Amino acid sequence: MTTDLSMANLGTADLALARSQGAARNTGAEIQAAARAKNGEVVRATAEKFEAQFLSQMMGHMFKGISGDGVFGGGHAEEVWRDFYVEEITKSFASRGGIGLADSIERQLLTLQEAA
C-alpha cells in the first residue's frame, strides 16, 4: 500500500499547518531581504506582514476551540475557510497598529540597516 501525500489527503489541521509553515519560511526570507533593502516602505510592509503572521497563529489556535454552529454553519468547509478568515482579520489588524510588534521589528530592521 502506498501513501499519497497530495493536498486532497491532508486533514484540515495538516493543511493549516502546511500553509502556516510555508508562510513563516517566506516571511523569514522577506525579513532578511528587508534588512538589506534601503527602502522604508519595504521594511514597514515586511514588519506588518510578520506581525499578521504571528497574530494569525495566535488567533488560529484561539478559534480551534470554538464550535462550528455559528455564523458559518459548521462542517468541514467552515474549518477550511476559517483559516483564510483569520488570516484576513489579522492582516487588517496588523495594518492598523496591531499589538505593536511591527513597530519593534521595523526599529530592529532599521538598526540593522544602519549597522551594515
Protein backbone atom coordinates (compact mmCIF):
# COMPACT_ATOMS: atom_id res chain seq x y z
CA MET A 1 0.00 0.00 0.00
CA THR A 2 1.43 3.40 -0.98
CA THR A 3 0.74 6.65 0.76
CA ASP A 4 -0.18 9.61 -1.41
CA LEU A 5 0.65 12.92 0.29
CA SER A 6 -1.45 15.06 -2.02
CA MET A 7 -3.35 18.03 -0.70
CA ALA A 8 -6.59 16.05 -1.01
CA ASN A 9 -5.38 13.60 1.63
CA LEU A 10 -4.31 16.22 4.15
CA GLY A 11 -6.62 16.83 7.06
CA THR A 12 -7.78 20.35 7.82
CA ALA A 13 -5.28 20.80 10.64
CA ASP A 14 -2.46 19.45 8.48
CA LEU A 15 -3.38 21.81 5.67
CA ALA A 16 -3.42 24.79 8.02
CA LEU A 17 -0.05 23.75 9.47
CA ALA A 18 1.47 23.36 5.99
CA ARG A 19 0.17 26.81 4.98
CA SER A 20 1.49 28.48 8.13
CA GLN A 21 4.91 26.82 7.86
CA GLY A 22 5.22 27.90 4.24
CA ALA A 23 4.19 31.44 5.14
CA ALA A 24 6.68 31.52 8.02
CA ARG A 25 9.53 30.46 5.71
CA ASN A 26 8.57 33.12 3.17
CA THR A 27 8.24 35.78 5.87
CA GLY A 28 11.69 34.91 7.25
CA ALA A 29 13.24 35.38 3.81
CA GLU A 30 11.36 38.66 3.38
CA ILE A 31 12.65 39.94 6.73
CA GLN A 32 16.22 39.21 5.68
CA ALA A 33 15.66 40.94 2.33
CA ALA A 34 14.06 43.94 4.08
CA ALA A 35 17.06 44.22 6.39
CA ARG A 36 19.27 44.56 3.30
CA ALA A 37 16.88 46.88 1.44
CA LYS A 38 17.26 50.60 1.94
CA ASN A 39 13.56 51.25 1.47
CA GLY A 40 11.48 52.23 4.49
CA GLU A 41 8.22 51.17 2.83
CA VAL A 42 9.55 47.64 2.23
CA VAL A 43 10.71 47.44 5.85
CA ARG A 44 7.33 48.56 7.20
CA ALA A 45 5.35 46.24 4.93
CA THR A 46 7.55 43.30 5.93
CA ALA A 47 7.21 44.11 9.63
CA GLU A 48 3.41 44.29 9.31
CA LYS A 49 3.33 41.01 7.40
CA PHE A 50 5.34 39.32 10.15
CA GLU A 51 3.02 40.69 12.83
CA ALA A 52 -0.01 39.50 10.85
CA GLN A 53 1.53 36.01 10.59
CA PHE A 54 2.20 35.96 14.33
CA LEU A 55 -1.34 37.10 15.14
CA SER A 56 -2.75 34.57 12.68
CA GLN A 57 -1.01 31.77 14.55
CA MET A 58 -2.33 33.01 17.88
CA MET A 59 -5.89 33.62 16.70
CA GLY A 60 -5.94 30.38 14.73
CA HIS A 61 -5.38 28.43 17.94
CA MET A 62 -7.98 30.53 19.70
CA PHE A 63 -10.61 29.72 17.06
CA LYS A 64 -9.88 25.97 17.22
CA GLY A 65 -11.85 25.73 20.47
CA ILE A 66 -14.97 27.37 19.09
CA SER A 67 -17.75 25.08 17.88
CA GLY A 68 -18.82 25.40 14.26
CA ASP A 69 -22.53 26.03 14.67
CA GLY A 70 -22.27 29.81 14.46
CA VAL A 71 -22.38 32.25 11.59
CA PHE A 72 -20.80 29.91 9.04
CA GLY A 73 -22.94 26.87 9.80
CA GLY A 74 -20.19 24.45 10.81
CA GLY A 75 -18.85 21.45 8.93
CA HIS A 76 -15.66 20.74 7.05
CA ALA A 77 -15.96 23.77 4.78
CA GLU A 78 -16.03 26.11 7.76
CA GLU A 79 -12.86 24.53 9.13
CA VAL A 80 -11.08 25.11 5.82
CA TRP A 81 -12.29 28.67 5.28
CA ARG A 82 -11.84 29.74 8.89
CA ASP A 83 -8.06 29.85 8.38
CA PHE A 84 -8.49 32.25 5.47
CA TYR A 85 -10.87 34.37 7.53
CA VAL A 86 -8.42 34.54 10.43
CA GLU A 87 -5.60 35.43 8.04
CA GLU A 88 -7.54 38.37 6.62
CA ILE A 89 -8.60 39.61 10.05
CA THR A 90 -5.02 39.59 11.28
CA LYS A 91 -3.71 41.38 8.16
CA SER A 92 -6.26 44.13 8.78
CA PHE A 93 -5.43 44.24 12.48
CA ALA A 94 -1.66 44.46 11.86
CA SER A 95 -2.06 47.22 9.25
CA ARG A 96 -3.97 49.31 11.81
CA GLY A 97 -1.32 49.13 14.52
CA GLY A 98 -1.89 45.62 15.83
CA ILE A 99 -0.15 44.90 19.11
CA GLY A 100 2.97 46.93 18.32
CA LEU A 101 5.09 44.03 17.15
CA ALA A 102 5.54 45.55 13.68
CA ASP A 103 6.90 48.75 15.26
CA SER A 104 9.55 46.78 17.16
CA ILE A 105 10.52 44.76 14.10
CA GLU A 106 10.72 47.89 11.98
CA ARG A 107 13.06 49.54 14.50
CA GLN A 108 15.28 46.45 14.58
CA LEU A 109 15.44 46.23 10.80
CA LEU A 110 16.34 49.91 10.50
CA THR A 111 19.04 49.42 13.15
CA LEU A 112 20.44 46.50 11.12
CA GLN A 113 20.46 48.68 8.02
CA GLU A 114 22.40 51.43 9.79
CA ALA A 115 24.95 48.94 11.08
CA ALA A 116 25.54 47.46 7.60
